[in-house]
């Protein structure tokens, strides 16, 4: 009995130990399972994070490309606006426009003016005055002499100066004196336009060839695309033979060449450095005139055709130089015989 009881107790003890070991194993399995689940979750999070980072990286590249493209477009737009602003500033400020004008050698022979007058436009009158036959223009050195002759209105002029004749044999003619009134510009507005298909070439060489041949050589050079040119529509040499105007068929060709400023051009066997400038065209948009009286010039009319041109001119000058006739020193005299016509040109010191 005792041995059986001891065996039973030993079995119960072993069973209890096995139970404890089983529970410990199950606890360890639960812990390992939990650790495995945590490890799986952690791995999944890491993989997800890695995929997100890669996705964000790719999105960043796409956004950077889009931003670069947008900035490039904005840069091009700003360049165009800058060119437009430069053109407006160029026209608004004559001083800034000077470097774009054609080059021409000049010699300054004038007087230095005040700084305040630099931006003022000074008009130099060059007035053409028609003269009919049987009239004359006489300019005196002093204004008061001309005013006195006009106030007398009518003058008896002897035709026998220098001849010894009796009083009854002397011949006279009656002429009328009147002031000379001219219309001078008081307000002048000129609208300037920039020709987008034309340019100016200055500094052309003085070659012993006709202008037509020179223009042909210029057209040939600037019609080639390798020289930055294009098809030339027309060409002309201005009154100053060192400046030419080229007009292209397509827009943009002239602007591209103007941007260069200077360019070596092959003309014949020589190469010459020409300046390329914008071509500006001006139209009078407003012109206001005001009457102005010539202070020293008098118009004589009613002169009969009884003497030759030179004797009549001498006769008039002799008569109106005499103080006894209200005259004075004569500066200039122009006579137009009957049946003829002429044009007198008044300069700045005469009006």
C-alpha atoms as a PDB file:
ATOM      1  CA  UNK A   1       0.000   0.000   0.000  1.00  0.00           C
ATOM      2  CA  UNK A   2       2.708   2.368   0.915  1.00  0.00           C
ATOM      3  CA  UNK A   3       4.547   1.740  -2.310  1.00  0.00           C
ATOM      4  CA  UNK A   4       1.423   2.338  -4.337  1.00  0.00           C
ATOM      5  CA  UNK A   5       0.754   5.593  -2.527  1.00  0.00           C
ATOM      6  CA  UNK A   6       4.312   6.777  -3.132  1.00  0.00           C
ATOM      7  CA  UNK A   7       4.032   5.857  -6.796  1.00  0.00           C
ATOM      8  CA  UNK A   8       0.753   7.747  -7.073  1.00  0.00           C
ATOM      9  CA  UNK A   9       2.267  10.795  -5.421  1.00  0.00           C
ATOM     10  CA  UNK A  10       5.234  10.609  -7.783  1.00  0.00           C
ATOM     11  CA  UNK A  11       2.932  10.357 -10.763  1.00  0.00           C
ATOM     12  CA  UNK A  12       0.840  13.292  -9.534  1.00  0.00           C
ATOM     13  CA  UNK A  13       4.049  15.265  -9.015  1.00  0.00           C
ATOM     14  CA  UNK A  14       5.248  14.425 -12.529  1.00  0.00           C
ATOM     15  CA  UNK A  15       1.874  15.297 -13.908  1.00  0.00           C
ATOM     16  CA  UNK A  16       1.913  18.641 -12.129  1.00  0.00           C
ATOM     17  CA  UNK A  17       5.417  19.344 -13.423  1.00  0.00           C
ATOM     18  CA  UNK A  18       4.350  18.378 -16.933  1.00  0.00           C
ATOM     19  CA  UNK A  19       1.353  20.661 -16.597  1.00  0.00           C
ATOM     20  CA  UNK A  20       3.570  23.497 -15.495  1.00  0.00           C
ATOM     21  CA  UNK A  21       5.983  22.819 -18.327  1.00  0.00           C
ATOM     22  CA  UNK A  22       3.106  22.679 -20.788  1.00  0.00           C
ATOM     23  CA  UNK A  23       1.743  25.969 -19.507  1.00  0.00           C
ATOM     24  CA  UNK A  24       5.216  27.482 -19.689  1.00  0.00           C
ATOM     25  CA  UNK A  25       5.611  26.236 -23.248  1.00  0.00           C
ATOM     26  CA  UNK A  26       2.211  27.612 -24.216  1.00  0.00           C
ATOM     27  CA  UNK A  27       3.130  30.955 -22.573  1.00  0.00           C
ATOM     28  CA  UNK A  28       6.392  30.995 -24.496  1.00  0.00           C
ATOM     29  CA  UNK A  29       4.558  30.195 -27.724  1.00  0.00           C
ATOM     30  CA  UNK A  30       2.153  33.056 -27.088  1.00  0.00           C
ATOM     31  CA  UNK A  31       5.060  35.383 -26.443  1.00  0.00           C
ATOM     32  CA  UNK A  32       6.864  34.211 -29.583  1.00  0.00           C
ATOM     33  CA  UNK A  33       3.661  34.574 -31.595  1.00  0.00           C
ATOM     34  CA  UNK A  34       3.196  38.075 -30.231  1.00  0.00           C
ATOM     35  CA  UNK A  35       6.806  38.958 -31.022  1.00  0.00           C
ATOM     36  CA  UNK A  36       6.335  37.552 -34.541  1.00  0.00           C
ATOM     37  CA  UNK A  37       3.184  39.629 -35.028  1.00  0.00           C
ATOM     38  CA  UNK A  38       4.989  42.750 -33.826  1.00  0.00           C
ATOM     39  CA  UNK A  39       7.897  41.966 -36.124  1.00  0.00           C
ATOM     40  CA  UNK A  40       5.525  41.473 -39.070  1.00  0.00           C
ATOM     41  CA  UNK A  41       3.751  44.741 -38.353  1.00  0.00           C
ATOM     42  CA  UNK A  42       7.087  46.508 -38.027  1.00  0.00           C
ATOM     43  CA  UNK A  43       8.304  45.054 -41.328  1.00  0.00           C
ATOM     44  CA  UNK A  44       5.098  46.017 -43.064  1.00  0.00           C
ATOM     45  CA  UNK A  45       5.409  49.564 -41.709  1.00  0.00           C
ATOM     46  CA  UNK A  46       9.003  49.781 -42.883  1.00  0.00           C
ATOM     47  CA  UNK A  47       8.064  48.497 -46.333  1.00  0.00           C
ATOM     48  CA  UNK A  48       5.136  50.900 -46.518  1.00  0.00           C
ATOM     49  CA  UNK A  49       7.355  53.759 -45.416  1.00  0.00           C
ATOM     50  CA  UNK A  50       9.931  52.830 -48.036  1.00  0.00           C
ATOM     51  CA  UNK A  51       7.282  52.737 -50.761  1.00  0.00           C
ATOM     52  CA  UNK A  52       5.919  56.101 -49.585  1.00  0.00           C
ATOM     53  CA  UNK A  53       9.386  57.609 -49.641  1.00  0.00           C
ATOM     54  CA  UNK A  54       9.966  56.329 -53.148  1.00  0.00           C
ATOM     55  CA  UNK A  55       6.579  57.641 -54.201  1.00  0.00           C
ATOM     56  CA  UNK A  56       7.296  61.017 -52.627  1.00  0.00           C
ATOM     57  CA  UNK A  57      10.690  61.102 -54.311  1.00  0.00           C
ATOM     58  CA  UNK A  58       9.132  60.433 -57.707  1.00  0.00           C
ATOM     59  CA  UNK A  59       6.461  63.059 -57.043  1.00  0.00           C
ATOM     60  CA  UNK A  60       9.191  65.515 -56.046  1.00  0.00           C
ATOM     61  CA  UNK A  61      11.014  64.910 -59.336  1.00  0.00           C
ATOM     62  CA  UNK A  62       7.811  65.491 -61.299  1.00  0.00           C
ATOM     63  CA  UNK A  63       7.050  68.669 -59.358  1.00  0.00           C
ATOM     64  CA  UNK A  64      10.604  69.913 -59.816  1.00  0.00           C
ATOM     65  CA  UNK A  65      10.362  69.364 -63.588  1.00  0.00           C
ATOM     66  CA  UNK A  66       7.029  71.185 -63.705  1.00  0.00           C
ATOM     67  CA  UNK A  67       8.444  74.049 -61.633  1.00  0.00           C
ATOM     68  CA  UNK A  68      11.509  74.275 -63.883  1.00  0.00           C
ATOM     69  CA  UNK A  69       9.288  74.389 -66.969  1.00  0.00           C
ATOM     70  CA  UNK A  70       7.107  77.064 -65.385  1.00  0.00           C
ATOM     71  CA  UNK A  71      10.143  79.139 -64.430  1.00  0.00           C
ATOM     72  CA  UNK A  72      11.563  78.802 -67.947  1.00  0.00           C
ATOM     73  CA  UNK A  73       8.285  80.042 -69.459  1.00  0.00           C
ATOM     74  CA  UNK A  74       8.195  82.902 -66.980  1.00  0.00           C
ATOM     75  CA  UNK A  75      11.794  83.778 -67.853  1.00  0.00           C
ATOM     76  CA  UNK A  76      10.952  83.911 -71.578  1.00  0.00           C
ATOM     77  CA  UNK A  77       7.929  86.082 -70.857  1.00  0.00           C
ATOM     78  CA  UNK A  78      10.025  88.443 -68.717  1.00  0.00           C
ATOM     79  CA  UNK A  79      12.649  88.658 -71.487  1.00  0.00           C
ATOM     80  CA  UNK A  80       9.967  89.700 -73.985  1.00  0.00           C
ATOM     81  CA  UNK A  81       8.582  92.268 -71.557  1.00  0.00           C
ATOM     82  CA  UNK A  82      12.115  93.571 -70.935  1.00  0.00           C
ATOM     83  CA  UNK A  83      12.684  94.025 -74.675  1.00  0.00           C
ATOM     84  CA  UNK A  84       9.380  95.897 -74.978  1.00  0.00           C
ATOM     85  CA  UNK A  85      10.282  98.118 -72.024  1.00  0.00           C
ATOM     86  CA  UNK A  86      13.720  98.785 -73.524  1.00  0.00           C
ATOM     87  CA  UNK A  87      12.087  99.863 -76.778  1.00  0.00           C
ATOM     88  CA  UNK A  88       9.665 102.172 -74.964  1.00  0.00           C
ATOM     89  CA  UNK A  89      12.464 103.660 -72.874  1.00  0.00           C
ATOM     90  CA  UNK A  90      14.561 104.062 -76.007  1.00  0.00           C
ATOM     91  CA  UNK A  91      11.874 106.152 -77.719  1.00  0.00           C
ATOM     92  CA  UNK A  92      10.979 108.074 -74.568  1.00  0.00           C
ATOM     93  CA  UNK A  93      14.577 109.110 -73.829  1.00  0.00           C
ATOM     94  CA  UNK A  94      16.458 110.608 -76.819  1.00  0.00           C
ATOM     95  CA  UNK A  95      19.756 110.363 -74.920  1.00  0.00           C
ATOM     96  CA  UNK A  96      19.423 106.573 -74.611  1.00  0.00           C
ATOM     97  CA  UNK A  97      18.415 106.352 -78.246  1.00  0.00           C
ATOM     98  CA  UNK A  98      21.692 107.893 -79.457  1.00  0.00           C
ATOM     99  CA  UNK A  99      23.727 104.633 -79.416  1.00  0.00           C
ATOM    100  CA  UNK A 100      21.133 103.038 -81.717  1.00  0.00           C
ATOM    101  CA  UNK A 101      21.361 105.784 -84.315  1.00  0.00           C
ATOM    102  CA  UNK A 102      23.501 105.467 -87.446  1.00  0.00           C
ATOM    103  CA  UNK A 103      27.085 106.618 -87.075  1.00  0.00           C
ATOM    104  CA  UNK A 104      28.180 109.725 -88.917  1.00  0.00           C
ATOM    105  CA  UNK A 105      31.330 111.764 -88.449  1.00  0.00           C
ATOM    106  CA  UNK A 106      30.503 115.364 -87.514  1.00  0.00           C
ATOM    107  CA  UNK A 107      32.437 118.492 -86.609  1.00  0.00           C
ATOM    108  CA  UNK A 108      30.912 120.667 -83.869  1.00  0.00           C
ATOM    109  CA  UNK A 109      31.071 124.354 -84.791  1.00  0.00           C
ATOM    110  CA  UNK A 110      28.236 125.697 -82.624  1.00  0.00           C
ATOM    111  CA  UNK A 111      28.023 127.287 -79.210  1.00  0.00           C
ATOM    112  CA  UNK A 112      27.660 125.423 -75.938  1.00  0.00           C
ATOM    113  CA  UNK A 113      24.145 126.006 -74.595  1.00  0.00           C
ATOM    114  CA  UNK A 114      22.703 125.818 -71.123  1.00  0.00           C
ATOM    115  CA  UNK A 115      22.097 122.394 -69.605  1.00  0.00           C
ATOM    116  CA  UNK A 116      18.373 123.189 -69.248  1.00  0.00           C
ATOM    117  CA  UNK A 117      18.041 123.514 -73.035  1.00  0.00           C
ATOM    118  CA  UNK A 118      19.536 120.109 -73.885  1.00  0.00           C
ATOM    119  CA  UNK A 119      16.181 118.357 -74.403  1.00  0.00           C
ATOM    120  CA  UNK A 120      14.581 121.209 -76.373  1.00  0.00           C
ATOM    121  CA  UNK A 121      13.918 120.844 -80.083  1.00  0.00           C
ATOM    122  CA  UNK A 122      15.130 123.934 -81.972  1.00  0.00           C
ATOM    123  CA  UNK A 123      13.540 124.549 -85.367  1.00  0.00           C
ATOM    124  CA  UNK A 124      15.619 126.435 -87.910  1.00  0.00           C
ATOM    125  CA  UNK A 125      13.324 128.236 -90.373  1.00  0.00           C
ATOM    126  CA  UNK A 126      13.958 127.716 -94.067  1.00  0.00           C
ATOM    127  CA  UNK A 127      10.929 129.425 -95.622  1.00  0.00           C
ATOM    128  CA  UNK A 128      10.311 129.543 -99.377  1.00  0.00           C
ATOM    129  CA  UNK A 129       8.510 132.664-100.529  1.00  0.00           C
ATOM    130  CA  UNK A 130       7.138 132.865-104.124  1.00  0.00           C
ATOM    131  CA  UNK A 131       7.941 136.017-106.101  1.00  0.00           C
ATOM    132  CA  UNK A 132       5.879 137.087-109.101  1.00  0.00           C
ATOM    133  CA  UNK A 133       7.224 139.044-112.066  1.00  0.00           C
ATOM    134  CA  UNK A 134       7.539 142.809-111.604  1.00  0.00           C
ATOM    135  CA  UNK A 135       8.493 142.561-107.935  1.00  0.00           C
ATOM    136  CA  UNK A 136      11.579 142.683-105.752  1.00  0.00           C
ATOM    137  CA  UNK A 137      12.659 141.846-102.224  1.00  0.00           C
ATOM    138  CA  UNK A 138      15.029 144.258-100.532  1.00  0.00           C
ATOM    139  CA  UNK A 139      16.668 143.572 -97.176  1.00  0.00           C
ATOM    140  CA  UNK A 140      18.175 146.425 -95.164  1.00  0.00           C
ATOM    141  CA  UNK A 141      20.854 146.207 -92.507  1.00  0.00           C
ATOM    142  CA  UNK A 142      18.653 148.031 -89.975  1.00  0.00           C
ATOM    143  CA  UNK A 143      15.071 147.248 -89.025  1.00  0.00           C
ATOM    144  CA  UNK A 144      14.068 150.906 -88.649  1.00  0.00           C
ATOM    145  CA  UNK A 145      14.940 151.587 -92.300  1.00  0.00           C
ATOM    146  CA  UNK A 146      12.653 148.775 -93.513  1.00  0.00           C
ATOM    147  CA  UNK A 147       9.866 149.993 -91.237  1.00  0.00           C
ATOM    148  CA  UNK A 148      10.237 153.541 -92.613  1.00  0.00           C
ATOM    149  CA  UNK A 149      10.093 152.332 -96.245  1.00  0.00           C
ATOM    150  CA  UNK A 150       6.906 150.347 -95.497  1.00  0.00           C
ATOM    151  CA  UNK A 151       5.262 153.317 -93.793  1.00  0.00           C
ATOM    152  CA  UNK A 152       5.848 155.494 -96.888  1.00  0.00           C
ATOM    153  CA  UNK A 153       4.029 152.810 -98.981  1.00  0.00           C
ATOM    154  CA  UNK A 154       4.629 154.433-102.397  1.00  0.00           C
ATOM    155  CA  UNK A 155       7.984 155.469-103.841  1.00  0.00           C
ATOM    156  CA  UNK A 156       9.004 157.388-106.973  1.00  0.00           C
ATOM    157  CA  UNK A 157      12.182 155.836-108.334  1.00  0.00           C
ATOM    158  CA  UNK A 158      14.351 157.692-110.870  1.00  0.00           C
ATOM    159  CA  UNK A 159      15.497 155.621-113.833  1.00  0.00           C
ATOM    160  CA  UNK A 160      18.331 157.914-114.998  1.00  0.00           C
ATOM    161  CA  UNK A 161      20.887 157.570-112.228  1.00  0.00           C
ATOM    162  CA  UNK A 162      24.388 158.356-113.451  1.00  0.00           C
ATOM    163  CA  UNK A 163      23.182 160.302-116.548  1.00  0.00           C
ATOM    164  CA  UNK A 164      23.398 164.102-117.019  1.00  0.00           C
ATOM    165  CA  UNK A 165      19.806 164.954-118.035  1.00  0.00           C
ATOM    166  CA  UNK A 166      17.570 167.966-117.572  1.00  0.00           C
ATOM    167  CA  UNK A 167      14.709 167.722-115.051  1.00  0.00           C
ATOM    168  CA  UNK A 168      12.087 167.359-117.796  1.00  0.00           C
ATOM    169  CA  UNK A 169      14.056 164.560-119.408  1.00  0.00           C
ATOM    170  CA  UNK A 170      14.264 162.481-116.220  1.00  0.00           C
ATOM    171  CA  UNK A 171      12.100 159.331-116.091  1.00  0.00           C
ATOM    172  CA  UNK A 172      10.524 157.966-112.930  1.00  0.00           C
ATOM    173  CA  UNK A 173       8.532 154.903-112.016  1.00  0.00           C
ATOM    174  CA  UNK A 174       6.122 154.385-109.119  1.00  0.00           C
ATOM    175  CA  UNK A 175       6.539 151.252-106.962  1.00  0.00           C
ATOM    176  CA  UNK A 176       4.663 150.079-103.866  1.00  0.00           C
ATOM    177  CA  UNK A 177       6.337 148.880-100.648  1.00  0.00           C
ATOM    178  CA  UNK A 178       4.700 146.315 -98.358  1.00  0.00           C
ATOM    179  CA  UNK A 179       5.831 144.226 -95.413  1.00  0.00           C
ATOM    180  CA  UNK A 180       6.746 140.571 -95.869  1.00  0.00           C
ATOM    181  CA  UNK A 181       4.564 138.329 -93.688  1.00  0.00           C
ATOM    182  CA  UNK A 182       5.459 134.653 -93.369  1.00  0.00           C
ATOM    183  CA  UNK A 183       3.803 131.686 -91.658  1.00  0.00           C
ATOM    184  CA  UNK A 184       6.213 130.025 -89.253  1.00  0.00           C
ATOM    185  CA  UNK A 185       5.576 126.819 -87.299  1.00  0.00           C
ATOM    186  CA  UNK A 186       4.832 127.441 -83.620  1.00  0.00           C
ATOM    187  CA  UNK A 187       3.873 123.882 -82.618  1.00  0.00           C
ATOM    188  CA  UNK A 188       5.167 120.784 -84.361  1.00  0.00           C
ATOM    189  CA  UNK A 189       4.456 117.200 -83.312  1.00  0.00           C
ATOM    190  CA  UNK A 190       6.096 114.275 -85.070  1.00  0.00           C
ATOM    191  CA  UNK A 191       5.006 110.690 -84.539  1.00  0.00           C
ATOM    192  CA  UNK A 192       7.871 108.210 -84.779  1.00  0.00           C
ATOM    193  CA  UNK A 193       7.232 104.592 -85.719  1.00  0.00           C
ATOM    194  CA  UNK A 194       9.681 101.714 -85.489  1.00  0.00           C
ATOM    195  CA  UNK A 195       9.749  99.667 -88.681  1.00  0.00           C
ATOM    196  CA  UNK A 196       9.936  95.994 -87.647  1.00  0.00           C
ATOM    197  CA  UNK A 197      11.037  94.836 -91.108  1.00  0.00           C
ATOM    198  CA  UNK A 198      13.588  97.562 -91.957  1.00  0.00           C
ATOM    199  CA  UNK A 199      17.041  98.521 -90.710  1.00  0.00           C
ATOM    200  CA  UNK A 200      19.712 101.146 -91.329  1.00  0.00           C
ATOM    201  CA  UNK A 201      23.247 100.323 -92.419  1.00  0.00           C
ATOM    202  CA  UNK A 202      25.736 103.096 -91.674  1.00  0.00           C
ATOM    203  CA  UNK A 203      29.445 103.397 -92.284  1.00  0.00           C
ATOM    204  CA  UNK A 204      29.267 102.233 -95.888  1.00  0.00           C
ATOM    205  CA  UNK A 205      32.655 102.486 -97.613  1.00  0.00           C
ATOM    206  CA  UNK A 206      33.307 105.054-100.331  1.00  0.00           C
ATOM    207  CA  UNK A 207      33.851 102.758-103.282  1.00  0.00           C
ATOM    208  CA  UNK A 208      34.184 103.712-106.930  1.00  0.00           C
ATOM    209  CA  UNK A 209      31.096 101.706-107.891  1.00  0.00           C
ATOM    210  CA  UNK A 210      27.536 102.841-108.710  1.00  0.00           C
ATOM    211  CA  UNK A 211      24.979 102.829-105.887  1.00  0.00           C
ATOM    212  CA  UNK A 212      22.950 100.157-107.679  1.00  0.00           C
ATOM    213  CA  UNK A 213      25.868  97.717-107.594  1.00  0.00           C
ATOM    214  CA  UNK A 214      26.530  98.520-103.918  1.00  0.00           C
ATOM    215  CA  UNK A 215      22.884  97.789-103.092  1.00  0.00           C
ATOM    216  CA  UNK A 216      23.029  94.511-105.015  1.00  0.00           C
ATOM    217  CA  UNK A 217      26.045  93.406-102.970  1.00  0.00           C
ATOM    218  CA  UNK A 218      24.315  94.352 -99.715  1.00  0.00           C
ATOM    219  CA  UNK A 219      21.163  92.478-100.719  1.00  0.00           C
ATOM    220  CA  UNK A 220      23.214  89.424-101.651  1.00  0.00           C
ATOM    221  CA  UNK A 221      24.998  89.392 -98.283  1.00  0.00           C
ATOM    222  CA  UNK A 222      21.957  90.005 -96.089  1.00  0.00           C
ATOM    223  CA  UNK A 223      19.696  87.595 -97.979  1.00  0.00           C
ATOM    224  CA  UNK A 224      21.769  84.635 -96.763  1.00  0.00           C
ATOM    225  CA  UNK A 225      20.518  82.860 -93.649  1.00  0.00           C
ATOM    226  CA  UNK A 226      24.068  81.996 -92.550  1.00  0.00           C
ATOM    227  CA  UNK A 227      24.629  85.746 -92.148  1.00  0.00           C
ATOM    228  CA  UNK A 228      21.476  86.048 -90.040  1.00  0.00           C
ATOM    229  CA  UNK A 229      19.490  87.575 -92.898  1.00  0.00           C
ATOM    230  CA  UNK A 230      16.504  86.708 -95.048  1.00  0.00           C
ATOM    231  CA  UNK A 231      14.797  87.609 -98.292  1.00  0.00           C
ATOM    232  CA  UNK A 232      15.220  91.343 -99.009  1.00  0.00           C
ATOM    233  CA  UNK A 233      12.138  93.160-100.254  1.00  0.00           C
ATOM    234  CA  UNK A 234      13.736  96.533-101.100  1.00  0.00           C
ATOM    235  CA  UNK A 235      16.860  98.615-100.565  1.00  0.00           C
ATOM    236  CA  UNK A 236      17.882 102.233-101.018  1.00  0.00           C
ATOM    237  CA  UNK A 237      20.781 104.551-100.290  1.00  0.00           C
ATOM    238  CA  UNK A 238      19.775 107.756 -98.480  1.00  0.00           C
ATOM    239  CA  UNK A 239      20.917 111.199 -99.538  1.00  0.00           C
ATOM    240  CA  UNK A 240      23.941 110.625 -97.348  1.00  0.00           C
ATOM    241  CA  UNK A 241      25.704 107.956 -99.413  1.00  0.00           C
ATOM    242  CA  UNK A 242      27.119 106.301 -96.257  1.00  0.00           C
ATOM    243  CA  UNK A 243      23.668 105.153 -95.033  1.00  0.00           C
ATOM    244  CA  UNK A 244      21.428 102.525 -96.642  1.00  0.00           C
ATOM    245  CA  UNK A 245      17.972 101.135 -95.774  1.00  0.00           C
ATOM    246  CA  UNK A 246      17.145  97.440 -96.167  1.00  0.00           C
ATOM    247  CA  UNK A 247      13.588  96.093 -95.870  1.00  0.00           C
ATOM    248  CA  UNK A 248      13.010  92.362 -95.443  1.00  0.00           C
ATOM    249  CA  UNK A 249      10.011  90.282 -96.472  1.00  0.00           C
ATOM    250  CA  UNK A 250       9.587  88.515 -93.127  1.00  0.00           C
ATOM    251  CA  UNK A 251       9.202  89.963 -89.645  1.00  0.00           C
ATOM    252  CA  UNK A 252      11.946  89.330 -87.110  1.00  0.00           C
ATOM    253  CA  UNK A 253      14.890  89.338 -89.517  1.00  0.00           C
ATOM    254  CA  UNK A 254      15.634  93.042 -89.023  1.00  0.00           C
ATOM    255  CA  UNK A 255      15.284  92.790 -85.227  1.00  0.00           C
ATOM    256  CA  UNK A 256      17.700  89.868 -85.122  1.00  0.00           C
ATOM    257  CA  UNK A 257      20.318  91.810 -87.066  1.00  0.00           C
ATOM    258  CA  UNK A 258      19.757  95.028 -85.099  1.00  0.00           C
ATOM    259  CA  UNK A 259      20.464  93.125 -81.884  1.00  0.00           C
ATOM    260  CA  UNK A 260      24.008  92.501 -83.149  1.00  0.00           C
ATOM    261  CA  UNK A 261      24.751  96.221 -83.404  1.00  0.00           C
ATOM    262  CA  UNK A 262      27.796  95.838 -85.657  1.00  0.00           C
ATOM    263  CA  UNK A 263      28.652  93.289 -88.305  1.00  0.00           C
ATOM    264  CA  UNK A 264      31.539  92.689 -90.734  1.00  0.00           C
ATOM    265  CA  UNK A 265      30.072  92.715 -94.253  1.00  0.00           C
ATOM    266  CA  UNK A 266      31.788  91.387 -97.351  1.00  0.00           C
ATOM    267  CA  UNK A 267      31.513  93.942-100.186  1.00  0.00           C
ATOM    268  CA  UNK A 268      33.454  92.967-103.262  1.00  0.00           C
ATOM    269  CA  UNK A 269      36.929  91.867-102.194  1.00  0.00           C
ATOM    270  CA  UNK A 270      36.919  93.819 -98.928  1.00  0.00           C
ATOM    271  CA  UNK A 271      35.289  93.305 -95.545  1.00  0.00           C
ATOM    272  CA  UNK A 272      33.858  96.371 -93.801  1.00  0.00           C
ATOM    273  CA  UNK A 273      32.470  96.840 -90.291  1.00  0.00           C
ATOM    274  CA  UNK A 274      28.958  98.292 -90.656  1.00  0.00           C
ATOM    275  CA  UNK A 275      26.684  99.543 -87.901  1.00  0.00           C
ATOM    276  CA  UNK A 276      23.134  98.144 -87.901  1.00  0.00           C
ATOM    277  CA  UNK A 277      20.498 100.436 -86.424  1.00  0.00           C
ATOM    278  CA  UNK A 278      16.690 100.572 -86.158  1.00  0.00           C
ATOM    279  CA  UNK A 279      14.836 102.267 -88.984  1.00  0.00           C
ATOM    280  CA  UNK A 280      12.573 105.016 -87.687  1.00  0.00           C
ATOM    281  CA  UNK A 281       9.929 106.764 -89.760  1.00  0.00           C
ATOM    282  CA  UNK A 282       8.328 110.053 -88.755  1.00  0.00           C
ATOM    283  CA  UNK A 283       5.041 111.650 -89.756  1.00  0.00           C
ATOM    284  CA  UNK A 284       3.838 115.117 -88.826  1.00  0.00           C
ATOM    285  CA  UNK A 285       0.831 114.575 -86.549  1.00  0.00           C
ATOM    286  CA  UNK A 286       0.231 118.206 -85.590  1.00  0.00           C
ATOM    287  CA  UNK A 287       1.384 121.503 -87.079  1.00  0.00           C
ATOM    288  CA  UNK A 288       0.342 124.967 -85.919  1.00  0.00           C
ATOM    289  CA  UNK A 289       1.442 128.107 -87.762  1.00  0.00           C
ATOM    290  CA  UNK A 290       1.638 131.708 -86.652  1.00  0.00           C
ATOM    291  CA  UNK A 291       2.230 134.835 -88.765  1.00  0.00           C
ATOM    292  CA  UNK A 292       5.626 136.470 -88.487  1.00  0.00           C
ATOM    293  CA  UNK A 293       6.759 139.708 -90.114  1.00  0.00           C
ATOM    294  CA  UNK A 294      10.276 140.007 -91.496  1.00  0.00           C
ATOM    295  CA  UNK A 295      11.784 142.946 -89.626  1.00  0.00           C
ATOM    296  CA  UNK A 296      14.408 143.964 -92.237  1.00  0.00           C
ATOM    297  CA  UNK A 297      12.874 142.864 -95.571  1.00  0.00           C
ATOM    298  CA  UNK A 298      10.424 144.806 -97.779  1.00  0.00           C
ATOM    299  CA  UNK A 299       8.419 143.655-100.813  1.00  0.00           C
ATOM    300  CA  UNK A 300       8.412 146.017-103.798  1.00  0.00           C
ATOM    301  CA  UNK A 301       5.660 145.508-106.405  1.00  0.00           C
ATOM    302  CA  UNK A 302       4.450 147.261-109.564  1.00  0.00           C
ATOM    303  CA  UNK A 303       7.917 147.415-111.181  1.00  0.00           C
ATOM    304  CA  UNK A 304       7.420 148.000-114.954  1.00  0.00           C
ATOM    305  CA  UNK A 305       9.401 146.158-117.635  1.00  0.00           C
ATOM    306  CA  UNK A 306      11.406 149.136-118.895  1.00  0.00           C
ATOM    307  CA  UNK A 307      15.011 148.209-117.965  1.00  0.00           C
ATOM    308  CA  UNK A 308      17.139 145.113-118.141  1.00  0.00           C
ATOM    309  CA  UNK A 309      17.435 142.917-115.053  1.00  0.00           C
ATOM    310  CA  UNK A 310      20.831 144.159-113.887  1.00  0.00           C
ATOM    311  CA  UNK A 311      20.207 147.895-114.558  1.00  0.00           C
ATOM    312  CA  UNK A 312      16.852 147.676-112.755  1.00  0.00           C
ATOM    313  CA  UNK A 313      18.456 145.982-109.756  1.00  0.00           C
ATOM    314  CA  UNK A 314      21.150 148.687-109.602  1.00  0.00           C
ATOM    315  CA  UNK A 315      18.522 151.426-109.944  1.00  0.00           C
ATOM    316  CA  UNK A 316      16.442 150.078-107.048  1.00  0.00           C
ATOM    317  CA  UNK A 317      19.477 149.623-104.819  1.00  0.00           C
ATOM    318  CA  UNK A 318      20.788 153.135-105.504  1.00  0.00           C
ATOM    319  CA  UNK A 319      17.366 154.679-104.780  1.00  0.00           C
ATOM    320  CA  UNK A 320      16.700 152.874-101.522  1.00  0.00           C
ATOM    321  CA  UNK A 321      20.214 153.424-100.167  1.00  0.00           C
ATOM    322  CA  UNK A 322      19.663 157.183-100.075  1.00  0.00           C
ATOM    323  CA  UNK A 323      18.650 158.600 -96.695  1.00  0.00           C
ATOM    324  CA  UNK A 324      16.786 161.413 -98.537  1.00  0.00           C
ATOM    325  CA  UNK A 325      14.336 158.752 -99.780  1.00  0.00           C
ATOM    326  CA  UNK A 326      13.962 157.232 -96.299  1.00  0.00           C
ATOM    327  CA  UNK A 327      16.389 154.442 -97.147  1.00  0.00           C
ATOM    328  CA  UNK A 328      19.616 153.084 -95.731  1.00  0.00           C
ATOM    329  CA  UNK A 329      22.344 150.524 -96.258  1.00  0.00           C
ATOM    330  CA  UNK A 330      21.040 147.591 -98.356  1.00  0.00           C
ATOM    331  CA  UNK A 331      22.043 144.091 -97.283  1.00  0.00           C
ATOM    332  CA  UNK A 332      20.482 142.119-100.204  1.00  0.00           C
ATOM    333  CA  UNK A 333      18.180 142.716-103.171  1.00  0.00           C
ATOM    334  CA  UNK A 334      16.414 140.225-105.439  1.00  0.00           C
ATOM    335  CA  UNK A 335      14.523 141.411-108.547  1.00  0.00           C
ATOM    336  CA  UNK A 336      12.180 139.338-110.750  1.00  0.00           C
ATOM    337  CA  UNK A 337      11.369 140.839-114.185  1.00  0.00           C
ATOM    338  CA  UNK A 338       7.864 140.868-115.614  1.00  0.00           C
ATOM    339  CA  UNK A 339       6.910 137.490-117.102  1.00  0.00           C
ATOM    340  CA  UNK A 340       9.179 135.532-114.775  1.00  0.00           C
ATOM    341  CA  UNK A 341       8.721 133.831-111.437  1.00  0.00           C
ATOM    342  CA  UNK A 342      11.125 132.986-108.627  1.00  0.00           C
ATOM    343  CA  UNK A 343      11.264 131.620-105.085  1.00  0.00           C
ATOM    344  CA  UNK A 344      13.053 133.451-102.290  1.00  0.00           C
ATOM    345  CA  UNK A 345      14.419 131.431 -99.367  1.00  0.00           C
ATOM    346  CA  UNK A 346      14.380 133.036 -95.916  1.00  0.00           C
ATOM    347  CA  UNK A 347      16.842 131.776 -93.327  1.00  0.00           C
ATOM    348  CA  UNK A 348      16.858 132.187 -89.564  1.00  0.00           C
ATOM    349  CA  UNK A 349      18.618 135.552 -89.487  1.00  0.00           C
ATOM    350  CA  UNK A 350      16.097 137.056 -91.936  1.00  0.00           C
ATOM    351  CA  UNK A 351      12.808 136.189 -90.146  1.00  0.00           C
END
